[in-house]
Amino acid sequence: MPSNVEIKAKVSDMTQFAEKASKLSQSEGTIIRQHDTFFNCSQGRLKLRDFMNGSGQLIFYERPDTDGPKLSRYSISPTNDPQSLRNVLSDALGVKGEVRKERRLFLIGQTRVHLDTVEGLGHYMELEVVMRPEQTVEEGQRVAEDLMQQLGVSQQSLVTGAYMDLLLKGQKDKTNTHLN
């Protein structure tokens, strides 16, 4: 199963982050719109990513919910009919939730750098160090930590979990607030 080392953090200044990422990647980045539907599953996470252009990917992944660099193992299957696949999976498994985002992708060495604007959450960045077969997790973590430093990402801005988890937590917090 392919793997990568990931880091996710809140971004307070999108413009400054984009400038640093552009300089390091020597590109302006690529804009990608994504609508992710998360399905109930007994282990890991299962999501259907709709690129809003008739194509998508079914993605299963497992990773620990900790801040800082963490290993993520995943498998991906492309689809040319994300809507039909969403209907089947919704009927079979039930929907856990949905995440809509606009992503600006920068490629820096072996790392995919995402600058995300997530509906209902705000601005975040993700680093995905795409692991080569001969690399250790520690080497991937060093690559991620070095890039964090170059991009000005602080330890305090790191977040755990997936965007789906953050959205569900926000909904739960709102419910608890209304009950008190």
C-alpha atoms as a PDB file:
ATOM      1  CA  MET A   1       0.000   0.000   0.000  1.00  0.00           C
ATOM      2  CA  PRO A   2       1.512   3.420  -0.902  1.00  0.00           C
ATOM      3  CA  SER A   3       2.268   5.778   1.980  1.00  0.00           C
ATOM      4  CA  ASN A   4       3.124   9.363   2.743  1.00  0.00           C
ATOM      5  CA  VAL A   5       4.063  11.443   5.754  1.00  0.00           C
ATOM      6  CA  GLU A   6       1.490  14.159   6.398  1.00  0.00           C
ATOM      7  CA  ILE A   7       1.249  17.373   8.357  1.00  0.00           C
ATOM      8  CA  LYS A   8      -1.823  19.607   8.640  1.00  0.00           C
ATOM      9  CA  ALA A   9      -1.860  23.111  10.104  1.00  0.00           C
ATOM     10  CA  LYS A  10      -4.094  26.173  10.355  1.00  0.00           C
ATOM     11  CA  VAL A  11      -2.924  29.068   8.152  1.00  0.00           C
ATOM     12  CA  SER A  12      -3.352  32.615   9.441  1.00  0.00           C
ATOM     13  CA  ASP A  13      -1.914  34.451   6.398  1.00  0.00           C
ATOM     14  CA  MET A  14      -2.795  32.735   3.103  1.00  0.00           C
ATOM     15  CA  THR A  15      -0.986  35.308   0.967  1.00  0.00           C
ATOM     16  CA  GLN A  16       2.288  34.955   2.850  1.00  0.00           C
ATOM     17  CA  PHE A  17       2.087  31.149   2.808  1.00  0.00           C
ATOM     18  CA  ALA A  18       1.280  31.121  -0.939  1.00  0.00           C
ATOM     19  CA  GLU A  19       4.247  33.410  -1.656  1.00  0.00           C
ATOM     20  CA  LYS A  20       6.648  31.097   0.209  1.00  0.00           C
ATOM     21  CA  ALA A  21       5.200  27.971  -1.446  1.00  0.00           C
ATOM     22  CA  SER A  22       5.347  29.617  -4.895  1.00  0.00           C
ATOM     23  CA  LYS A  23       8.981  30.547  -4.390  1.00  0.00           C
ATOM     24  CA  LEU A  24       9.960  27.049  -3.204  1.00  0.00           C
ATOM     25  CA  SER A  25       7.981  25.268  -5.960  1.00  0.00           C
ATOM     26  CA  GLN A  26       8.829  27.846  -8.642  1.00  0.00           C
ATOM     27  CA  SER A  27       5.161  27.847  -9.672  1.00  0.00           C
ATOM     28  CA  GLU A  28       1.925  29.631  -8.865  1.00  0.00           C
ATOM     29  CA  GLY A  29       0.302  26.329  -7.936  1.00  0.00           C
ATOM     30  CA  THR A  30      -2.704  24.576  -9.458  1.00  0.00           C
ATOM     31  CA  ILE A  31      -6.268  25.302  -8.288  1.00  0.00           C
ATOM     32  CA  ILE A  32      -8.349  22.162  -7.658  1.00  0.00           C
ATOM     33  CA  ARG A  33     -11.949  22.154  -6.432  1.00  0.00           C
ATOM     34  CA  GLN A  34     -12.920  19.083  -4.420  1.00  0.00           C
ATOM     35  CA  HIS A  35     -16.094  17.734  -2.866  1.00  0.00           C
ATOM     36  CA  ASP A  36     -15.256  14.841  -0.527  1.00  0.00           C
ATOM     37  CA  THR A  37     -17.964  12.527   0.792  1.00  0.00           C
ATOM     38  CA  PHE A  38     -16.907  10.423   3.778  1.00  0.00           C
ATOM     39  CA  PHE A  39     -18.617   7.093   4.341  1.00  0.00           C
ATOM     40  CA  ASN A  40     -19.062   5.070   7.507  1.00  0.00           C
ATOM     41  CA  CYS A  41     -16.487   2.292   7.724  1.00  0.00           C
ATOM     42  CA  SER A  42     -15.180   0.106  10.528  1.00  0.00           C
ATOM     43  CA  GLN A  43     -11.503   1.088  10.232  1.00  0.00           C
ATOM     44  CA  GLY A  44      -9.617   3.983   8.669  1.00  0.00           C
ATOM     45  CA  ARG A  45     -11.429   6.464   6.454  1.00  0.00           C
ATOM     46  CA  LEU A  46     -13.234   5.970   3.144  1.00  0.00           C
ATOM     47  CA  LYS A  47     -13.966   8.988   1.002  1.00  0.00           C
ATOM     48  CA  LEU A  48     -15.112   9.716  -2.506  1.00  0.00           C
ATOM     49  CA  ARG A  49     -13.348  12.752  -3.941  1.00  0.00           C
ATOM     50  CA  ASP A  50     -15.343  14.469  -6.696  1.00  0.00           C
ATOM     51  CA  PHE A  51     -13.225  16.888  -8.760  1.00  0.00           C
ATOM     52  CA  MET A  52     -16.406  18.560 -10.011  1.00  0.00           C
ATOM     53  CA  ASN A  53     -15.484  17.819 -13.650  1.00  0.00           C
ATOM     54  CA  GLY A  54     -16.908  14.309 -14.119  1.00  0.00           C
ATOM     55  CA  SER A  55     -13.916  12.572 -12.551  1.00  0.00           C
ATOM     56  CA  GLY A  56     -13.137  11.441  -9.057  1.00  0.00           C
ATOM     57  CA  GLN A  57     -11.302   9.026  -6.804  1.00  0.00           C
ATOM     58  CA  LEU A  58     -12.391   6.560  -4.166  1.00  0.00           C
ATOM     59  CA  ILE A  59      -9.762   6.750  -1.425  1.00  0.00           C
ATOM     60  CA  PHE A  60      -9.262   4.548   1.617  1.00  0.00           C
ATOM     61  CA  TYR A  61      -6.636   5.651   4.135  1.00  0.00           C
ATOM     62  CA  GLU A  62      -5.396   4.972   7.623  1.00  0.00           C
ATOM     63  CA  ARG A  63      -3.356   7.371   9.737  1.00  0.00           C
ATOM     64  CA  PRO A  64      -3.066   8.240  13.414  1.00  0.00           C
ATOM     65  CA  ASP A  65      -4.892  11.320  14.729  1.00  0.00           C
ATOM     66  CA  THR A  66      -1.844  13.131  16.106  1.00  0.00           C
ATOM     67  CA  ASP A  67      -0.304  16.485  15.320  1.00  0.00           C
ATOM     68  CA  GLY A  68       3.086  16.695  13.637  1.00  0.00           C
ATOM     69  CA  PRO A  69       4.374  14.371  10.914  1.00  0.00           C
ATOM     70  CA  LYS A  70       2.473  11.075  10.718  1.00  0.00           C
ATOM     71  CA  LEU A  71       2.488   8.107   8.356  1.00  0.00           C
ATOM     72  CA  SER A  72      -0.602   7.641   6.212  1.00  0.00           C
ATOM     73  CA  ARG A  73      -1.229   4.473   4.185  1.00  0.00           C
ATOM     74  CA  TYR A  74      -3.750   4.703   1.360  1.00  0.00           C
ATOM     75  CA  SER A  75      -5.228   3.079  -1.722  1.00  0.00           C
ATOM     76  CA  ILE A  76      -6.948   4.954  -4.552  1.00  0.00           C
ATOM     77  CA  SER A  77      -9.310   3.913  -7.339  1.00  0.00           C
ATOM     78  CA  PRO A  78     -10.211   6.436 -10.080  1.00  0.00           C
ATOM     79  CA  THR A  79     -13.810   6.846 -11.255  1.00  0.00           C
ATOM     80  CA  ASN A  80     -15.449   8.600 -14.200  1.00  0.00           C
ATOM     81  CA  ASP A  81     -18.850   8.583 -12.494  1.00  0.00           C
ATOM     82  CA  PRO A  82     -18.440   9.924  -8.954  1.00  0.00           C
ATOM     83  CA  GLN A  83     -22.159  10.733  -8.554  1.00  0.00           C
ATOM     84  CA  SER A  84     -23.282   7.169  -9.269  1.00  0.00           C
ATOM     85  CA  LEU A  85     -20.574   5.745  -6.993  1.00  0.00           C
ATOM     86  CA  ARG A  86     -21.612   8.191  -4.223  1.00  0.00           C
ATOM     87  CA  ASN A  87     -25.212   6.938  -4.500  1.00  0.00           C
ATOM     88  CA  VAL A  88     -24.178   3.268  -4.214  1.00  0.00           C
ATOM     89  CA  LEU A  89     -21.793   3.841  -1.296  1.00  0.00           C
ATOM     90  CA  SER A  90     -24.340   6.067   0.487  1.00  0.00           C
ATOM     91  CA  ASP A  91     -26.952   3.308   0.248  1.00  0.00           C
ATOM     92  CA  ALA A  92     -24.490   0.611   1.345  1.00  0.00           C
ATOM     93  CA  LEU A  93     -22.525   2.353   4.107  1.00  0.00           C
ATOM     94  CA  GLY A  94     -24.221   5.627   4.994  1.00  0.00           C
ATOM     95  CA  VAL A  95     -22.626   9.073   4.794  1.00  0.00           C
ATOM     96  CA  LYS A  96     -20.506  10.301   7.701  1.00  0.00           C
ATOM     97  CA  GLY A  97     -20.255  13.817   6.246  1.00  0.00           C
ATOM     98  CA  GLU A  98     -19.005  16.019   3.428  1.00  0.00           C
ATOM     99  CA  VAL A  99     -16.111  18.422   2.937  1.00  0.00           C
ATOM    100  CA  ARG A 100     -15.970  21.059   0.214  1.00  0.00           C
ATOM    101  CA  LYS A 101     -12.723  22.851  -0.452  1.00  0.00           C
ATOM    102  CA  GLU A 102     -10.684  24.793  -2.913  1.00  0.00           C
ATOM    103  CA  ARG A 103      -7.106  23.545  -2.960  1.00  0.00           C
ATOM    104  CA  ARG A 104      -4.027  25.224  -4.352  1.00  0.00           C
ATOM    105  CA  LEU A 105      -1.429  22.526  -5.047  1.00  0.00           C
ATOM    106  CA  PHE A 106       2.310  23.198  -5.083  1.00  0.00           C
ATOM    107  CA  LEU A 107       4.909  20.499  -5.807  1.00  0.00           C
ATOM    108  CA  ILE A 108       8.157  20.877  -3.852  1.00  0.00           C
ATOM    109  CA  GLY A 109      10.563  17.983  -4.362  1.00  0.00           C
ATOM    110  CA  GLN A 110       8.760  14.795  -3.287  1.00  0.00           C
ATOM    111  CA  THR A 111       6.153  16.792  -1.335  1.00  0.00           C
ATOM    112  CA  ARG A 112       2.665  17.879  -2.329  1.00  0.00           C
ATOM    113  CA  VAL A 113       1.908  21.165  -0.560  1.00  0.00           C
ATOM    114  CA  HIS A 114      -1.791  22.046  -0.332  1.00  0.00           C
ATOM    115  CA  LEU A 115      -3.156  25.464   0.587  1.00  0.00           C
ATOM    116  CA  ASP A 116      -6.817  24.759   1.322  1.00  0.00           C
ATOM    117  CA  THR A 117      -9.865  26.935   1.854  1.00  0.00           C
ATOM    118  CA  VAL A 118     -12.361  24.608   3.539  1.00  0.00           C
ATOM    119  CA  GLU A 119     -16.055  25.505   3.671  1.00  0.00           C
ATOM    120  CA  GLY A 120     -17.069  25.961   7.300  1.00  0.00           C
ATOM    121  CA  LEU A 121     -13.484  25.779   8.648  1.00  0.00           C
ATOM    122  CA  GLY A 122     -11.223  28.374   7.018  1.00  0.00           C
ATOM    123  CA  HIS A 123      -7.658  28.183   5.730  1.00  0.00           C
ATOM    124  CA  TYR A 124      -5.280  25.270   6.203  1.00  0.00           C
ATOM    125  CA  MET A 125      -2.166  23.773   4.714  1.00  0.00           C
ATOM    126  CA  GLU A 126      -1.220  20.145   4.279  1.00  0.00           C
ATOM    127  CA  LEU A 127       2.144  18.646   3.455  1.00  0.00           C
ATOM    128  CA  GLU A 128       2.181  15.173   1.930  1.00  0.00           C
ATOM    129  CA  VAL A 129       5.693  13.766   1.604  1.00  0.00           C
ATOM    130  CA  VAL A 130       5.213  10.980  -0.962  1.00  0.00           C
ATOM    131  CA  MET A 131       7.401   8.193   0.358  1.00  0.00           C
ATOM    132  CA  ARG A 132       9.802   6.340  -1.913  1.00  0.00           C
ATOM    133  CA  PRO A 133      10.013   2.568  -1.274  1.00  0.00           C
ATOM    134  CA  GLU A 134      13.534   2.796   0.197  1.00  0.00           C
ATOM    135  CA  GLN A 135      12.738   5.681   2.571  1.00  0.00           C
ATOM    136  CA  THR A 136      12.081   5.273   6.278  1.00  0.00           C
ATOM    137  CA  VAL A 137       9.258   7.059   8.089  1.00  0.00           C
ATOM    138  CA  GLU A 138      11.927   9.068   9.948  1.00  0.00           C
ATOM    139  CA  GLU A 139      13.364  10.329   6.642  1.00  0.00           C
ATOM    140  CA  GLY A 140       9.876  11.386   5.537  1.00  0.00           C
ATOM    141  CA  GLN A 141       9.339  13.162   8.860  1.00  0.00           C
ATOM    142  CA  ARG A 142      12.634  15.051   8.432  1.00  0.00           C
ATOM    143  CA  VAL A 143      11.585  16.181   4.935  1.00  0.00           C
ATOM    144  CA  ALA A 144       8.230  17.368   6.343  1.00  0.00           C
ATOM    145  CA  GLU A 145       9.785  19.171   9.318  1.00  0.00           C
ATOM    146  CA  ASP A 146      12.361  20.900   7.103  1.00  0.00           C
ATOM    147  CA  LEU A 147       9.631  22.091   4.735  1.00  0.00           C
ATOM    148  CA  MET A 148       7.493  23.226   7.686  1.00  0.00           C
ATOM    149  CA  GLN A 149      10.377  25.435   8.770  1.00  0.00           C
ATOM    150  CA  GLN A 150      10.918  26.853   5.267  1.00  0.00           C
ATOM    151  CA  LEU A 151       7.202  27.643   4.959  1.00  0.00           C
ATOM    152  CA  GLY A 152       7.008  29.227   8.423  1.00  0.00           C
ATOM    153  CA  VAL A 153       4.572  26.662   9.871  1.00  0.00           C
ATOM    154  CA  SER A 154       4.691  26.724  13.669  1.00  0.00           C
ATOM    155  CA  GLN A 155       4.169  23.766  16.001  1.00  0.00           C
ATOM    156  CA  GLN A 156       1.292  25.710  17.608  1.00  0.00           C
ATOM    157  CA  SER A 157      -0.659  25.804  14.316  1.00  0.00           C
ATOM    158  CA  LEU A 158      -0.606  22.009  13.823  1.00  0.00           C
ATOM    159  CA  VAL A 159      -3.950  20.208  13.901  1.00  0.00           C
ATOM    160  CA  THR A 160      -4.923  16.549  14.268  1.00  0.00           C
ATOM    161  CA  GLY A 161      -7.473  14.554  12.311  1.00  0.00           C
ATOM    162  CA  ALA A 162      -9.118  15.097   8.960  1.00  0.00           C
ATOM    163  CA  TYR A 163     -11.185  18.120   7.872  1.00  0.00           C
ATOM    164  CA  MET A 164     -14.223  15.863   8.323  1.00  0.00           C
ATOM    165  CA  ASP A 165     -13.286  15.354  11.982  1.00  0.00           C
ATOM    166  CA  LEU A 166     -12.879  19.109  12.510  1.00  0.00           C
ATOM    167  CA  LEU A 167     -16.264  19.808  10.909  1.00  0.00           C
ATOM    168  CA  LEU A 168     -17.988  17.108  12.998  1.00  0.00           C
ATOM    169  CA  LYS A 169     -16.314  18.433  16.159  1.00  0.00           C
ATOM    170  CA  GLY A 170     -17.552  21.946  15.315  1.00  0.00           C
ATOM    171  CA  GLN A 171     -21.106  20.639  14.856  1.00  0.00           C
ATOM    172  CA  LYS A 172     -20.882  18.748  18.160  1.00  0.00           C
ATOM    173  CA  ASP A 173     -19.544  21.841  19.963  1.00  0.00           C
ATOM    174  CA  LYS A 174     -22.420  23.938  18.570  1.00  0.00           C
ATOM    175  CA  THR A 175     -24.947  21.324  19.748  1.00  0.00           C
ATOM    176  CA  ASN A 176     -23.397  21.230  23.224  1.00  0.00           C
ATOM    177  CA  THR A 177     -23.404  25.043  23.382  1.00  0.00           C
ATOM    178  CA  HIS A 178     -27.134  25.137  22.537  1.00  0.00           C
ATOM    179  CA  LEU A 179     -27.898  22.510  25.179  1.00  0.00           C
ATOM    180  CA  ASN A 180     -26.200  24.476  28.003  1.00  0.00           C
END
